[in-house]
Amino acid sequence: MAQTYSGNTVHKVMRSNGSAQVIVANRTPGERLSISYPGATSTRRVTANACGLVVLRDGASSSLADLVSVDGAPINQATLPIQLLPRCVDGNLEEPRSANFKTGAGEVVIVKTPNTVYEAAYGGGRDRNVTANACGFAAINESSTYPWDSNPTIMIGALLIP
């Protein structure tokens, strides 16, 4: 069973194994298509320093504007106080910090257990590329990195696939 989008060039199909797949037809063999998942979140591993501070900065793949949570705890940056980032000397902060805060430089600092790895979650969507095969078809499959249950909307260029 196929659901058609954009005339007859994009189809959402159910495969025989019960998984969904989006097929984009009529492409140039080897063409790369940009696919966007606007509602997707991404995670990255972050480590608390020897004093228990996780210092988060803007990065190319993880904008602080999209920061959602650290270790599953929601982060509301608007409510974080602005404080200086104290030096960590031999596992001790020069000035103690017991609660999360922001720095004047825009860093978000989360107080956690020293030398422990956590996951920081970011919203803002995710992008990926797929390549059309030799027959001009590009298949977009669900994966653990791009789960459709939690990210059901796909954008192929300006075309929205719900």
Protein backbone atom coordinates (compact mmCIF):
# COMPACT_ATOMS: atom_id res chain seq x y z
CA MET A 1 0.00 0.00 0.00
CA ALA A 2 1.48 3.36 -1.03
CA GLN A 3 0.56 6.92 -0.12
CA THR A 4 1.56 9.39 -2.85
CA TYR A 5 2.99 12.89 -2.31
CA SER A 6 4.12 15.44 -4.91
CA GLY A 7 2.39 13.86 -7.90
CA ASN A 8 3.95 10.50 -8.61
CA THR A 9 7.53 11.16 -7.49
CA VAL A 10 7.33 10.56 -3.70
CA HIS A 11 5.64 7.54 -2.11
CA LYS A 12 5.34 6.36 1.47
CA VAL A 13 5.05 2.57 1.41
CA MET A 14 4.68 -0.25 3.89
CA ARG A 15 7.25 -2.94 3.26
CA SER A 16 6.45 -6.64 3.59
CA ASN A 17 8.26 -6.73 6.95
CA GLY A 18 5.85 -4.06 8.31
CA SER A 19 8.30 -1.16 8.28
CA ALA A 20 7.55 2.11 6.54
CA GLN A 21 9.76 3.53 3.81
CA VAL A 22 9.65 6.72 1.73
CA ILE A 23 10.68 6.32 -1.91
CA VAL A 24 11.67 9.33 -3.99
CA ALA A 25 11.51 8.52 -7.71
CA ASN A 26 12.62 10.21 -10.92
CA ARG A 27 15.98 11.39 -9.56
CA THR A 28 19.34 11.42 -11.31
CA PRO A 29 21.36 8.29 -10.47
CA GLY A 30 23.87 9.16 -7.72
CA GLU A 31 22.05 12.42 -6.84
CA ARG A 32 22.25 13.37 -3.16
CA LEU A 33 19.02 14.52 -1.53
CA SER A 34 18.92 16.63 1.62
CA ILE A 35 16.43 15.24 4.12
CA SER A 36 15.33 17.18 7.21
CA TYR A 37 13.59 15.92 10.35
CA PRO A 38 12.36 19.25 11.82
CA GLY A 39 11.03 17.79 15.09
CA ALA A 40 13.96 15.51 15.83
CA THR A 41 16.26 15.86 18.81
CA SER A 42 19.90 14.90 18.94
CA THR A 43 22.10 14.02 21.86
CA ARG A 44 25.75 14.37 22.60
CA ARG A 45 27.84 13.04 25.42
CA VAL A 46 29.21 15.61 27.85
CA THR A 47 31.53 15.07 30.80
CA ALA A 48 31.58 16.86 34.13
CA ASN A 49 35.03 18.17 35.05
CA ALA A 50 36.89 17.20 38.22
CA CYS A 51 34.80 19.76 40.14
CA GLY A 52 31.46 18.47 38.81
CA LEU A 53 30.73 21.19 36.25
CA VAL A 54 29.41 20.41 32.78
CA VAL A 55 30.24 23.50 30.73
CA LEU A 56 28.18 23.74 27.52
CA ARG A 57 29.08 26.12 24.71
CA ASP A 58 27.60 26.86 21.30
CA GLY A 59 28.87 24.48 18.66
CA ALA A 60 28.32 23.84 14.97
CA SER A 61 26.16 20.78 15.64
CA SER A 62 24.77 21.74 19.06
CA SER A 63 23.43 25.25 19.52
CA LEU A 64 22.70 26.33 23.08
CA ALA A 65 19.49 27.89 21.79
CA ASP A 66 18.30 24.31 21.13
CA LEU A 67 19.42 22.81 24.48
CA VAL A 68 16.52 20.82 25.94
CA SER A 69 17.92 18.76 28.81
CA VAL A 70 21.00 17.28 30.47
CA ASP A 71 20.79 13.80 31.98
CA GLY A 72 17.03 13.90 31.34
CA ALA A 73 16.49 17.02 33.46
CA PRO A 74 14.90 19.91 31.50
CA ILE A 75 16.99 23.06 31.25
CA ASN A 76 15.21 26.43 31.25
CA GLN A 77 17.97 28.87 30.39
CA ALA A 78 15.74 31.90 31.00
CA THR A 79 15.65 31.11 34.73
CA LEU A 80 19.38 30.43 35.18
CA PRO A 81 21.29 33.09 37.12
CA ILE A 82 24.39 34.64 35.53
CA GLN A 83 27.53 33.89 37.51
CA LEU A 84 31.29 33.72 36.98
CA LEU A 85 32.76 30.34 36.06
CA PRO A 86 35.09 29.56 38.98
CA ARG A 87 38.40 27.82 38.42
CA CYS A 88 38.65 24.15 39.29
CA VAL A 89 41.84 23.50 41.26
CA ASP A 90 42.66 19.96 42.40
CA GLY A 91 38.97 18.96 42.32
CA ASN A 92 37.79 22.00 44.23
CA LEU A 93 36.04 25.09 42.93
CA GLU A 94 37.54 28.43 43.96
CA GLU A 95 33.96 29.54 44.63
CA PRO A 96 31.41 26.82 45.38
CA ARG A 97 28.44 26.35 43.03
CA SER A 98 25.48 24.22 44.03
CA ALA A 99 23.02 25.11 41.26
CA ASN A 100 23.08 25.40 37.48
CA PHE A 101 23.94 28.82 36.02
CA LYS A 102 24.95 30.75 32.91
CA THR A 103 28.13 32.72 32.41
CA GLY A 104 28.45 36.22 30.99
CA ALA A 105 30.03 34.60 27.90
CA GLY A 106 26.81 32.65 27.27
CA GLU A 107 27.96 29.24 28.49
CA VAL A 108 25.46 27.04 30.31
CA VAL A 109 26.95 25.32 33.35
CA ILE A 110 25.29 22.27 34.89
CA VAL A 111 26.33 21.07 38.36
CA LYS A 112 26.68 17.27 38.39
CA THR A 113 28.89 14.50 39.77
CA PRO A 114 32.59 15.01 39.00
CA ASN A 115 34.18 13.08 36.12
CA THR A 116 30.88 11.55 35.01
CA VAL A 117 29.50 11.34 31.46
CA TYR A 118 25.97 12.59 30.73
CA GLU A 119 23.77 13.10 27.68
CA ALA A 120 22.76 16.59 26.59
CA ALA A 121 19.66 16.69 24.36
CA TYR A 122 19.18 19.35 21.70
CA GLY A 123 16.05 20.15 19.69
CA GLY A 124 16.04 22.03 16.43
CA GLY A 125 15.80 19.09 14.07
CA ARG A 126 18.32 16.93 12.28
CA ASP A 127 19.48 16.67 8.70
CA ARG A 128 20.84 13.81 6.65
CA ASN A 129 21.58 12.99 3.04
CA VAL A 130 20.44 10.05 0.94
CA THR A 131 21.71 9.09 -2.50
CA ALA A 132 19.58 7.94 -5.45
CA ASN A 133 20.47 4.48 -6.72
CA ALA A 134 21.42 3.59 -10.31
CA CYS A 135 17.71 3.54 -11.27
CA GLY A 136 17.05 7.04 -9.88
CA PHE A 137 15.24 5.96 -6.70
CA ALA A 138 16.18 7.18 -3.21
CA ALA A 139 14.89 5.20 -0.22
CA ILE A 140 14.44 6.84 3.18
CA ASN A 141 14.26 4.29 5.97
CA GLU A 142 13.60 4.62 9.67
CA SER A 143 16.60 3.94 11.89
CA SER A 144 17.52 4.17 15.56
CA THR A 145 19.16 7.54 14.77
CA TYR A 146 16.06 8.78 12.90
CA PRO A 147 13.05 7.10 14.58
CA TRP A 148 9.77 7.96 12.89
CA ASP A 149 7.60 7.41 15.97
CA SER A 150 9.14 10.38 17.78
CA ASN A 151 9.99 12.34 14.58
CA PRO A 152 7.14 11.63 12.16
CA THR A 153 7.68 14.62 9.86
CA ILE A 154 10.20 14.46 7.03
CA MET A 155 11.08 17.32 4.70
CA ILE A 156 12.57 16.60 1.29
CA GLY A 157 13.56 20.06 0.11
CA ALA A 158 10.35 22.07 0.57
CA LEU A 159 8.09 18.99 0.41
CA LEU A 160 6.59 17.96 3.78
CA ILE A 161 5.95 14.22 4.30
CA PRO A 162 3.76 13.67 7.40
